[in-house]
Amino acid sequence: MLSHNDTYKTGMHLGTILTGDQIQGAPVISQLDVNDLEPGKKYRFFFQAVQMGTGQHWYIPVVVAKGAQDGKRISLTAGVHGDELSPVNAVQRIMDNLDPEKMSGTAIAIYDLSRPAKEYTQRQWPVAQKGGSLVDLNRVWPGDEAGNNAPTRHAGILWNRLFKNNVDIALDFHTASTGGDFTMFIFADFRKAEIRQIAELFPIEQIKNDAGESGSLEMAFVEAGIPVITIEVGAPRIFDARKIAMTVEGSMNVLKHYKVIDGPIGRTSKEAGTFFGDMFETVRSTTGGYLELLVDLNDQVTPGQKVAMQRNSFGDVVAEYTVSVIGKVATIARDALTEPGSRVMQILYNSTDLNFKTGISHQSGDDY
């Protein structure tokens, strides 16, 4: 590994760069090259990311389990949004299960990517300029180190100096946004056979064949030719033990599939009876009021079925909501007070089903 001032180049790019600092006993790096790390060991770093307005830096926890033998390099990211907590617990558990001396390949865990958002357990990155605007870090990838705001620069630094040249396969873990809830769910681009294969290794509730969202970390990996899936681990701001367990089981299956670790493949989507779809129908509130859900996550729905209603402050019913497709509930609002235009729920369905009627492609931008 190189010191911060060392200009020696390894191959086509600088190797791992140590700043010389330590935080909580972990060395600080400003660039990672896993080729520099001694095989058969597990490493903890703090990655020096973008500066704050004070000139100090945000630091990102990174754990690298480098196997004794060469193999695939798999990244696991948790905390692109600050209110996503179950993914952090899931990735911690995955890394705890790994013994580098018995591995062939490398697992790289990156936690709390949106550090200022995580400090407030909120979804978006608060920017000091313009009166305190909010930026979704999952809409600015692969970023730009010379960008117009801190989160865009932050994404560029992480992409160029942490992800780039270190990752062969990517697993990006998320949850629903605050006020909502998700099934155990995967977004995967089935146009790539390898991506579909990765998704089907998870014993989960629903998988959506999805082309991806512009500016997301997933799309940055896709555009770089790196197979990737986005895994939604239920609700925000909590640890969901059941969904965390499914996440760990599926992730370990991926590591086994790529021979990073030994062992038989566990339960997959086949055993779990996963529901597959390629479209969302989004139900939005037409008025303000108190929301009463008549269905829950993963419930089957049919055209014309009433799925939610709203009452005003007097208790009068002011709106009722139905769906127009055959599918399953994928996301729902948990906030009981709902403004006009707010998302009530999304129904995952398959457009190849001759019984479907209408729908809205992809997700609405609140999650992912």
Protein backbone atom coordinates (compact mmCIF):
# COMPACT_ATOMS: atom_id res chain seq x y z
CA MET A 1 0.00 0.00 0.00
CA LEU A 2 1.12 3.53 -0.73
CA SER A 3 1.38 6.58 1.45
CA HIS A 4 -0.78 9.59 0.67
CA ASN A 5 2.11 11.39 -1.02
CA ASP A 6 3.43 8.43 -2.99
CA THR A 7 2.93 8.87 -6.75
CA TYR A 8 4.00 5.36 -7.72
CA LYS A 9 1.48 3.73 -10.06
CA THR A 10 0.41 0.09 -10.02
CA GLY A 11 -0.66 -0.93 -13.53
CA MET A 12 -2.98 1.73 -14.95
CA HIS A 13 -4.01 3.39 -11.68
CA LEU A 14 -2.76 4.23 -8.22
CA GLY A 15 -2.89 1.46 -5.68
CA THR A 16 -4.36 1.65 -2.20
CA ILE A 17 -3.47 5.01 -0.67
CA LEU A 18 -3.15 5.42 3.09
CA THR A 19 -3.63 8.95 4.40
CA GLY A 20 -1.64 8.19 7.55
CA ASP A 21 -4.66 8.83 9.77
CA GLN A 22 -6.61 6.38 11.90
CA ILE A 23 -10.22 6.50 13.12
CA GLN A 24 -11.28 4.18 15.94
CA GLY A 25 -8.18 2.11 15.26
CA ALA A 26 -8.92 1.66 11.54
CA PRO A 27 -6.53 3.11 8.95
CA VAL A 28 -7.91 5.80 6.64
CA ILE A 29 -7.54 5.32 2.89
CA SER A 30 -8.31 7.69 0.04
CA GLN A 31 -8.18 4.97 -2.62
CA LEU A 32 -8.55 1.19 -2.61
CA ASP A 33 -6.87 -1.42 -4.77
CA VAL A 34 -7.63 -4.89 -3.41
CA ASN A 35 -4.63 -6.24 -5.34
CA ASP A 36 -2.43 -4.52 -2.75
CA LEU A 37 -3.92 -6.43 0.17
CA GLU A 38 -2.34 -9.59 1.53
CA PRO A 39 -4.50 -12.65 0.79
CA GLY A 40 -6.27 -14.62 3.49
CA LYS A 41 -7.05 -11.65 5.72
CA LYS A 42 -9.93 -9.36 6.65
CA TYR A 43 -9.37 -5.62 6.67
CA ARG A 44 -11.20 -2.62 8.12
CA PHE A 45 -10.76 0.85 6.68
CA PHE A 46 -12.35 4.25 6.80
CA PHE A 47 -12.53 5.64 3.27
CA GLN A 48 -11.90 9.41 3.03
CA ALA A 49 -14.71 10.78 0.90
CA VAL A 50 -15.99 14.26 0.02
CA GLN A 51 -15.30 17.30 2.18
CA MET A 52 -17.92 19.08 4.27
CA GLY A 53 -18.31 22.85 4.22
CA THR A 54 -15.81 23.06 7.08
CA GLY A 55 -13.13 21.37 4.98
CA GLN A 56 -13.31 18.18 7.03
CA HIS A 57 -14.19 14.90 5.32
CA TRP A 58 -16.96 12.36 5.51
CA TYR A 59 -15.56 8.88 6.19
CA ILE A 60 -17.12 5.64 4.91
CA PRO A 61 -16.62 2.30 6.74
CA VAL A 62 -15.21 -0.40 4.44
CA VAL A 63 -14.53 -4.06 5.25
CA VAL A 64 -12.58 -6.24 2.82
CA ALA A 65 -12.38 -10.03 3.16
CA LYS A 66 -9.65 -11.06 0.72
CA GLY A 67 -9.50 -14.77 0.08
CA ALA A 68 -6.39 -16.90 0.16
CA GLN A 69 -6.96 -17.71 -3.52
CA ASP A 70 -7.90 -15.54 -6.48
CA GLY A 71 -11.53 -15.35 -7.56
CA LYS A 72 -14.46 -13.05 -8.15
CA ARG A 73 -14.62 -9.70 -6.34
CA ILE A 74 -18.11 -9.04 -4.99
CA SER A 75 -19.23 -5.73 -3.49
CA LEU A 76 -22.03 -5.38 -0.94
CA THR A 77 -23.33 -1.84 -0.41
CA ALA A 78 -25.62 -0.78 2.44
CA GLY A 79 -26.69 2.77 3.20
CA VAL A 80 -26.93 4.60 -0.13
CA HIS A 81 -29.96 6.15 1.61
CA GLY A 82 -29.67 7.21 5.22
CA ASP A 83 -32.91 5.59 6.48
CA GLU A 84 -31.99 2.11 5.23
CA LEU A 85 -30.93 0.10 8.29
CA SER A 86 -31.82 -3.57 7.69
CA PRO A 87 -29.26 -3.70 4.84
CA VAL A 88 -26.49 -2.64 7.22
CA ASN A 89 -27.31 -5.47 9.62
CA ALA A 90 -27.58 -7.96 6.75
CA VAL A 91 -24.19 -7.05 5.28
CA GLN A 92 -22.57 -7.13 8.72
CA ARG A 93 -23.90 -10.67 9.18
CA ILE A 94 -22.68 -11.74 5.73
CA MET A 95 -19.18 -10.46 6.43
CA ASP A 96 -19.12 -12.09 9.88
CA ASN A 97 -19.76 -15.44 8.15
CA LEU A 98 -16.67 -15.16 5.96
CA ASP A 99 -13.28 -16.70 6.68
CA PRO A 100 -10.74 -15.21 4.24
CA GLU A 101 -8.38 -18.15 4.73
CA LYS A 102 -11.04 -20.39 3.16
CA MET A 103 -12.13 -18.02 0.39
CA SER A 104 -11.27 -17.82 -3.31
CA GLY A 105 -12.03 -14.22 -4.20
CA THR A 106 -12.89 -11.05 -2.33
CA ALA A 107 -15.94 -9.58 -0.60
CA ILE A 108 -16.01 -5.80 -0.17
CA ALA A 109 -18.59 -4.32 2.21
CA ILE A 110 -19.25 -0.57 1.99
CA TYR A 111 -21.49 0.86 4.71
CA ASP A 112 -23.28 4.19 5.20
CA LEU A 113 -22.43 5.67 1.81
CA SER A 114 -24.72 8.64 2.43
CA ARG A 115 -23.08 9.63 5.70
CA PRO A 116 -24.84 12.95 6.46
CA ALA A 117 -28.22 11.36 5.67
CA LYS A 118 -27.38 8.43 7.94
CA GLU A 119 -26.56 10.77 10.83
CA TYR A 120 -30.18 11.98 10.71
CA THR A 121 -31.68 8.62 9.67
CA GLN A 122 -33.20 10.38 6.67
CA ARG A 123 -33.35 9.34 3.06
CA GLN A 124 -31.60 12.16 1.24
CA TRP A 125 -28.29 13.99 1.59
CA PRO A 126 -28.73 17.50 3.10
CA VAL A 127 -26.77 20.13 1.19
CA ALA A 128 -25.86 23.35 3.03
CA GLN A 129 -26.27 25.56 -0.04
CA LYS A 130 -29.62 26.91 -1.32
CA GLY A 131 -31.12 26.99 2.13
CA GLY A 132 -30.56 23.31 2.85
CA SER A 133 -31.66 21.39 -0.24
CA LEU A 134 -31.86 17.59 -0.28
CA VAL A 135 -30.18 15.34 -2.87
CA ASP A 136 -30.92 11.67 -3.51
CA LEU A 137 -27.49 10.02 -3.66
CA ASN A 138 -29.03 7.21 -5.72
CA ARG A 139 -29.73 9.59 -8.62
CA VAL A 140 -26.21 10.98 -9.17
CA TRP A 141 -24.06 7.90 -9.89
CA PRO A 142 -21.40 7.44 -11.19
CA GLY A 143 -20.93 10.98 -9.95
CA ASP A 144 -18.38 13.60 -10.90
CA GLU A 145 -15.40 14.56 -8.75
CA ALA A 146 -15.73 18.09 -10.16
CA GLY A 147 -19.54 18.18 -9.85
CA ASN A 148 -21.75 21.07 -8.72
CA ASN A 149 -22.64 19.70 -5.29
CA ALA A 150 -21.11 17.59 -2.54
CA PRO A 151 -23.12 14.37 -3.08
CA THR A 152 -22.30 14.34 -6.80
CA ARG A 153 -18.61 14.77 -6.01
CA HIS A 154 -18.90 12.17 -3.25
CA ALA A 155 -20.34 9.62 -5.68
CA GLY A 156 -17.56 10.40 -8.15
CA ILE A 157 -14.87 9.88 -5.53
CA LEU A 158 -16.36 6.58 -4.39
CA TRP A 159 -16.89 5.36 -7.95
CA ASN A 160 -13.40 6.23 -9.19
CA ARG A 161 -11.37 5.36 -6.12
CA LEU A 162 -13.36 2.63 -4.37
CA PHE A 163 -15.64 0.76 -6.79
CA LYS A 164 -13.85 1.13 -10.11
CA ASN A 165 -11.29 -1.61 -10.81
CA ASN A 166 -12.26 -3.52 -7.62
CA VAL A 167 -15.65 -5.07 -8.41
CA ASP A 168 -16.76 -7.96 -10.66
CA ILE A 169 -20.25 -8.54 -9.19
CA ALA A 170 -22.35 -6.04 -7.19
CA LEU A 171 -25.16 -6.47 -4.66
CA ASP A 172 -26.81 -3.17 -3.71
CA PHE A 173 -29.09 -3.32 -0.65
CA HIS A 174 -31.93 -0.86 0.05
CA THR A 175 -35.32 -0.54 1.78
CA ALA A 176 -38.52 1.39 1.18
CA SER A 177 -38.38 5.10 2.01
CA THR A 178 -39.53 6.45 5.35
CA GLY A 179 -43.32 6.21 5.63
CA GLY A 180 -43.48 3.17 3.34
CA ASP A 181 -42.84 -0.56 3.31
CA PHE A 182 -41.59 -3.12 0.78
CA THR A 183 -41.85 -6.87 0.35
CA MET A 184 -38.57 -8.75 0.21
CA PHE A 185 -37.92 -7.61 -3.34
CA ILE A 186 -35.31 -7.50 -6.10
CA PHE A 187 -34.92 -5.23 -9.12
CA ALA A 188 -32.96 -7.07 -11.84
CA ASP A 189 -32.38 -6.47 -15.55
CA PHE A 190 -33.32 -9.78 -17.18
CA ARG A 191 -31.83 -8.69 -20.50
CA LYS A 192 -28.58 -9.98 -18.99
CA ALA A 193 -28.84 -13.71 -18.28
CA GLU A 194 -26.21 -13.54 -15.53
CA ILE A 195 -28.15 -10.83 -13.69
CA ARG A 196 -31.32 -12.91 -13.75
CA GLN A 197 -29.36 -15.89 -12.47
CA ILE A 198 -28.02 -13.86 -9.54
CA ALA A 199 -31.52 -12.61 -8.63
CA GLU A 200 -32.98 -16.10 -8.68
CA LEU A 201 -30.42 -17.24 -6.11
CA PHE A 202 -32.37 -15.32 -3.44
CA PRO A 203 -35.26 -17.06 -1.60
CA ILE A 204 -37.44 -13.96 -1.57
CA GLU A 205 -41.00 -12.80 -2.17
CA GLN A 206 -40.90 -10.82 -5.42
CA ILE A 207 -38.56 -10.07 -8.34
CA LYS A 208 -39.14 -7.36 -10.93
CA ASN A 209 -37.59 -7.56 -14.38
CA ASP A 210 -36.45 -3.96 -14.53
CA ALA A 211 -34.20 -1.93 -16.81
CA GLY A 212 -32.91 0.24 -13.97
CA GLU A 213 -33.16 3.85 -12.85
CA SER A 214 -30.94 6.55 -14.34
CA GLY A 215 -28.36 7.81 -11.85
CA SER A 216 -28.72 4.82 -9.52
CA LEU A 217 -25.69 2.89 -8.32
CA GLU A 218 -27.18 -0.15 -10.00
CA MET A 219 -27.25 1.63 -13.37
CA ALA A 220 -23.65 2.79 -12.95
CA PHE A 221 -22.58 -0.83 -12.52
CA VAL A 222 -24.72 -1.94 -15.49
CA GLU A 223 -23.19 0.73 -17.72
CA ALA A 224 -19.72 -0.41 -16.60
CA GLY A 225 -20.55 -3.97 -17.65
CA ILE A 226 -20.71 -5.28 -14.07
CA PRO A 227 -23.59 -7.65 -13.20
CA VAL A 228 -25.66 -6.14 -10.37
CA ILE A 229 -29.02 -6.42 -8.61
CA THR A 230 -30.84 -4.09 -6.21
CA ILE A 231 -32.28 -5.85 -3.15
CA GLU A 232 -35.05 -4.16 -1.14
CA VAL A 233 -35.04 -5.40 2.46
CA GLY A 234 -38.49 -4.31 3.62
CA ALA A 235 -39.16 -1.23 5.71
CA PRO A 236 -36.78 1.63 6.65
CA ARG A 237 -35.46 2.63 10.08
CA ILE A 238 -35.77 -0.86 11.60
CA PHE A 239 -34.09 -4.27 11.66
CA ASP A 240 -36.51 -6.74 10.03
CA ALA A 241 -35.16 -10.09 11.25
CA ARG A 242 -37.13 -12.23 8.78
CA LYS A 243 -36.08 -10.25 5.73
CA ILE A 244 -32.51 -9.86 6.93
CA ALA A 245 -32.31 -13.67 7.15
CA MET A 246 -33.53 -14.01 3.54
CA THR A 247 -30.99 -11.41 2.46
CA VAL A 248 -28.12 -13.23 4.14
CA GLU A 249 -29.18 -16.60 2.74
CA GLY A 250 -29.43 -15.27 -0.82
CA SER A 251 -26.14 -13.39 -0.59
CA MET A 252 -24.33 -16.47 0.68
CA ASN A 253 -25.82 -18.35 -2.28
CA VAL A 254 -24.26 -15.76 -4.60
CA LEU A 255 -20.86 -16.17 -2.95
CA LYS A 256 -21.18 -19.95 -3.29
CA HIS A 257 -22.33 -19.69 -6.91
CA TYR A 258 -19.17 -17.77 -7.80
CA LYS A 259 -16.98 -20.18 -5.78
CA VAL A 260 -15.88 -17.43 -3.40
CA ILE A 261 -16.88 -19.75 -0.56
CA ASP A 262 -17.56 -23.48 -0.48
CA GLY A 263 -20.82 -25.17 0.39
CA PRO A 264 -24.12 -26.23 -1.12
CA ILE A 265 -26.53 -23.62 -2.48
CA GLY A 266 -29.36 -23.01 0.00
CA ARG A 267 -32.96 -22.09 -0.78
CA THR A 268 -33.50 -20.05 -3.93
CA SER A 269 -36.44 -18.30 -5.59
CA LYS A 270 -37.67 -21.69 -6.78
CA GLU A 271 -38.08 -23.06 -3.27
CA ALA A 272 -39.48 -19.76 -1.99
CA GLY A 273 -42.18 -19.56 -4.67
CA THR A 274 -41.05 -16.08 -5.69
CA PHE A 275 -43.54 -13.99 -7.66
CA PHE A 276 -42.09 -12.51 -10.87
CA GLY A 277 -43.34 -9.42 -12.68
CA ASP A 278 -42.17 -6.72 -15.05
CA MET A 279 -44.56 -3.83 -14.41
CA PHE A 280 -45.91 -1.73 -11.54
CA GLU A 281 -49.36 -0.26 -11.25
CA THR A 282 -49.07 2.68 -8.89
CA VAL A 283 -52.08 3.79 -6.85
CA ARG A 284 -51.91 7.43 -5.73
CA SER A 285 -54.16 9.37 -3.42
CA THR A 286 -56.52 11.83 -5.09
CA THR A 287 -57.23 13.84 -1.95
CA GLY A 288 -55.94 14.43 1.54
CA GLY A 289 -57.15 12.23 4.36
CA TYR A 290 -56.51 9.35 6.70
CA LEU A 291 -55.52 6.20 4.83
CA GLU A 292 -56.97 2.80 5.62
CA LEU A 293 -55.34 -0.12 3.81
CA LEU A 294 -57.56 -3.04 2.86
CA VAL A 295 -54.67 -5.24 1.67
CA ASP A 296 -51.11 -5.79 2.88
CA LEU A 297 -47.73 -6.60 1.40
CA ASN A 298 -47.57 -9.61 -0.92
CA ASP A 299 -51.39 -9.97 -1.05
CA GLN A 300 -52.86 -11.12 -4.37
CA VAL A 301 -55.17 -8.55 -6.01
CA THR A 302 -57.52 -8.68 -8.99
CA PRO A 303 -59.03 -6.03 -11.31
CA GLY A 304 -61.67 -3.90 -9.63
CA GLN A 305 -60.65 -4.91 -6.12
CA LYS A 306 -60.87 -2.14 -3.51
CA VAL A 307 -57.47 -1.88 -1.84
CA ALA A 308 -57.62 1.31 0.25
CA MET A 309 -59.88 4.14 1.39
CA GLN A 310 -59.54 7.57 2.98
CA ARG A 311 -61.56 9.42 5.59
CA ASN A 312 -61.54 13.10 6.45
CA SER A 313 -61.24 14.52 9.96
CA PHE A 314 -64.97 14.01 10.54
CA GLY A 315 -64.68 10.33 9.67
CA ASP A 316 -66.45 10.61 6.31
CA VAL A 317 -65.16 8.43 3.47
CA VAL A 318 -63.67 10.84 0.91
CA ALA A 319 -61.94 8.40 -1.46
CA GLU A 320 -61.79 4.72 -2.33
CA TYR A 321 -59.06 3.10 -4.40
CA THR A 322 -59.15 0.06 -6.68
CA VAL A 323 -56.63 -1.69 -8.91
CA SER A 324 -56.96 -2.74 -12.53
CA VAL A 325 -54.48 -5.61 -12.75
CA ILE A 326 -53.88 -9.12 -11.49
CA GLY A 327 -50.76 -9.03 -9.35
CA LYS A 328 -49.31 -8.78 -5.87
CA VAL A 329 -48.84 -5.84 -3.52
CA ALA A 330 -45.16 -4.85 -3.60
CA THR A 331 -45.03 -1.53 -1.74
CA ILE A 332 -47.46 0.24 0.58
CA ALA A 333 -47.67 3.48 2.53
CA ARG A 334 -47.39 3.06 6.30
CA ASP A 335 -48.05 6.73 7.03
CA ALA A 336 -51.74 7.02 7.89
CA LEU A 337 -52.08 10.70 6.93
CA THR A 338 -51.81 11.05 3.17
CA GLU A 339 -51.59 14.15 0.98
CA PRO A 340 -52.96 14.32 -2.58
CA GLY A 341 -50.62 12.61 -5.06
CA SER A 342 -48.90 10.48 -2.43
CA ARG A 343 -48.23 6.87 -3.33
CA VAL A 344 -50.66 4.52 -1.63
CA MET A 345 -49.23 1.29 -3.01
CA GLN A 346 -47.67 -0.42 -6.00
CA ILE A 347 -48.87 -3.67 -7.54
CA LEU A 348 -46.29 -5.88 -9.22
CA TYR A 349 -47.70 -7.71 -12.23
CA ASN A 350 -46.59 -9.42 -15.43
CA SER A 351 -47.36 -7.67 -18.70
CA THR A 352 -47.30 -11.00 -20.55
CA ASP A 353 -50.35 -12.11 -18.54
CA LEU A 354 -53.29 -11.73 -20.94
CA ASN A 355 -55.52 -10.86 -17.98
CA PHE A 356 -53.72 -7.62 -17.11
CA LYS A 357 -55.27 -4.31 -18.16
CA THR A 358 -53.18 -1.19 -17.45
CA GLY A 359 -50.01 -0.35 -15.61
CA ILE A 360 -47.12 1.98 -15.05
CA SER A 361 -43.66 0.79 -15.97
CA HIS A 362 -40.88 0.81 -13.37
CA GLN A 363 -41.06 2.36 -9.92
CA SER A 364 -42.11 5.90 -9.10
CA GLY A 365 -38.78 7.15 -7.80
CA ASP A 366 -39.58 7.11 -4.05
CA ASP A 367 -37.62 3.91 -3.41
CA TYR A 368 -34.75 2.05 -5.11
